[in-house]
C-alpha cells in the first residue's frame, strides 16, 4: 500500500494504491493525519482509483479523516472509487458525510 499526497492550491490530493484492510489501515491513517495536522488543507481529496480491495477499515479511515478535517474547517472528497467500493460506501451512508465523485 502506498500513499502519495500532494498540495494543490491549499487543497490536498492523496492517491492511494493497493488494498485497504485492517493490516495497513493504521499506516494510512497515520500518514494522512500527520499531513492534515501539519498542512491543514481546506479540502482533502482521497483518490481511490487504484484501490483493488477495501474492507470496513476503509470506512473507518474515511470517517476518522472526515472528523479531523472538520476540526480544521475542511472537507473530504472520495474520488474514483471502484463500483463495488462505491456501493459499500453508499450502503454505509458515507455520502452523507463526505462527497463521493
Protein backbone atom coordinates (compact mmCIF):
# COMPACT_ATOMS: atom_id res chain seq x y z
CA UNK A 1 0.00 0.00 0.00
CA UNK A 2 1.34 3.40 -0.94
CA UNK A 3 0.04 6.89 -0.21
CA UNK A 4 1.14 9.85 -2.32
CA UNK A 5 -0.04 13.23 -1.00
CA UNK A 6 0.32 16.46 -2.96
CA UNK A 7 -0.75 20.02 -2.19
CA UNK A 8 -2.70 21.83 -4.86
CA UNK A 9 -3.58 25.46 -4.08
CA UNK A 10 -4.36 25.00 -0.38
CA UNK A 11 -6.05 21.67 -1.01
CA UNK A 12 -4.55 18.20 -0.84
CA UNK A 13 -4.87 15.14 -3.05
CA UNK A 14 -3.96 11.77 -1.55
CA UNK A 15 -3.60 8.99 -4.11
CA UNK A 16 -3.93 5.56 -2.52
CA UNK A 17 -2.62 2.42 -4.23
CA UNK A 18 -3.28 -1.19 -3.27
CA UNK A 19 -5.62 -2.58 -0.62
CA UNK A 20 -7.20 -1.02 2.45
CA UNK A 21 -7.66 -3.61 5.18
CA UNK A 22 -7.03 -3.98 8.90
CA UNK A 23 -3.37 -4.79 8.20
CA UNK A 24 -2.48 -1.46 6.63
CA UNK A 25 -5.24 0.99 7.61
CA UNK A 26 -3.29 2.27 10.62
CA UNK A 27 -0.30 3.21 8.44
CA UNK A 28 -2.57 5.09 6.02
CA UNK A 29 -4.36 6.86 8.90
CA UNK A 30 -1.04 7.94 10.39
CA UNK A 31 0.25 9.35 7.11
CA UNK A 32 -2.97 11.23 6.37
CA UNK A 33 -3.36 12.53 9.94
CA UNK A 34 0.21 13.81 10.05
CA UNK A 35 -0.33 15.61 6.77
CA UNK A 36 -3.68 17.11 7.82
CA UNK A 37 -2.31 18.33 11.16
CA UNK A 38 0.84 19.77 9.61
CA UNK A 39 -0.58 21.38 6.46
CA UNK A 40 -4.24 21.96 7.46
CA UNK A 41 -5.63 21.84 3.90
CA UNK A 42 -9.11 23.25 3.31
CA UNK A 43 -10.04 20.14 1.32
CA UNK A 44 -8.60 16.65 1.19
CA UNK A 45 -9.38 14.56 -1.87
CA UNK A 46 -8.69 10.86 -1.43
CA UNK A 47 -8.30 9.20 -4.81
CA UNK A 48 -9.44 5.56 -4.71
CA UNK A 49 -8.87 4.81 -8.42
CA UNK A 50 -6.03 2.39 -7.65
CA UNK A 51 -7.63 0.66 -4.66
CA UNK A 52 -8.10 -3.01 -5.51
CA UNK A 53 -9.75 -4.10 -2.23
CA UNK A 54 -11.35 -2.39 0.76
CA UNK A 55 -12.93 -3.83 3.89
CA UNK A 56 -14.66 -1.97 6.73
CA UNK A 57 -11.30 -0.47 7.71
CA UNK A 58 -11.70 1.82 4.71
CA UNK A 59 -14.99 3.16 6.10
CA UNK A 60 -13.27 3.91 9.42
CA UNK A 61 -10.37 5.50 7.58
CA UNK A 62 -12.68 7.92 5.77
CA UNK A 63 -14.81 8.68 8.84
CA UNK A 64 -11.83 9.48 11.04
CA UNK A 65 -10.19 11.75 8.47
CA UNK A 66 -13.53 13.48 7.93
CA UNK A 67 -13.76 14.27 11.66
CA UNK A 68 -10.19 15.55 11.71
CA UNK A 69 -10.76 17.73 8.63
CA UNK A 70 -13.93 19.21 10.16
CA UNK A 71 -11.88 20.22 13.23
CA UNK A 72 -9.82 22.42 10.88
CA UNK A 73 -12.92 23.60 8.99
CA UNK A 74 -12.13 21.42 5.99
CA UNK A 75 -13.91 18.81 3.88
CA UNK A 76 -13.15 15.45 2.32
CA UNK A 77 -13.93 14.15 -1.14
CA UNK A 78 -13.56 10.50 -2.10
CA UNK A 79 -12.77 10.32 -5.80
CA UNK A 80 -12.85 7.45 -8.32
CA UNK A 81 -13.91 4.50 -6.15
CA UNK A 82 -14.35 1.22 -8.00
CA UNK A 83 -18.05 0.30 -8.48
CA UNK A 84 -18.13 -2.23 -5.62
CA UNK A 85 -16.37 0.22 -3.29
CA UNK A 86 -18.84 2.96 -4.26
CA UNK A 87 -21.66 0.54 -3.40
CA UNK A 88 -20.11 -0.23 0.00
CA UNK A 89 -19.68 3.50 0.71
CA UNK A 90 -23.29 4.15 -0.24
CA UNK A 91 -24.60 1.29 1.92
CA UNK A 92 -22.57 2.66 4.85
CA UNK A 93 -24.17 6.09 4.37
CA UNK A 94 -20.84 7.74 3.63
CA UNK A 95 -22.38 10.06 1.03
CA UNK A 96 -23.99 11.95 3.95
CA UNK A 97 -20.57 12.52 5.48
CA UNK A 98 -18.23 13.06 2.51
CA UNK A 99 -18.53 13.97 -1.14
CA UNK A 100 -18.12 10.93 -3.41
CA UNK A 101 -17.31 11.59 -7.06
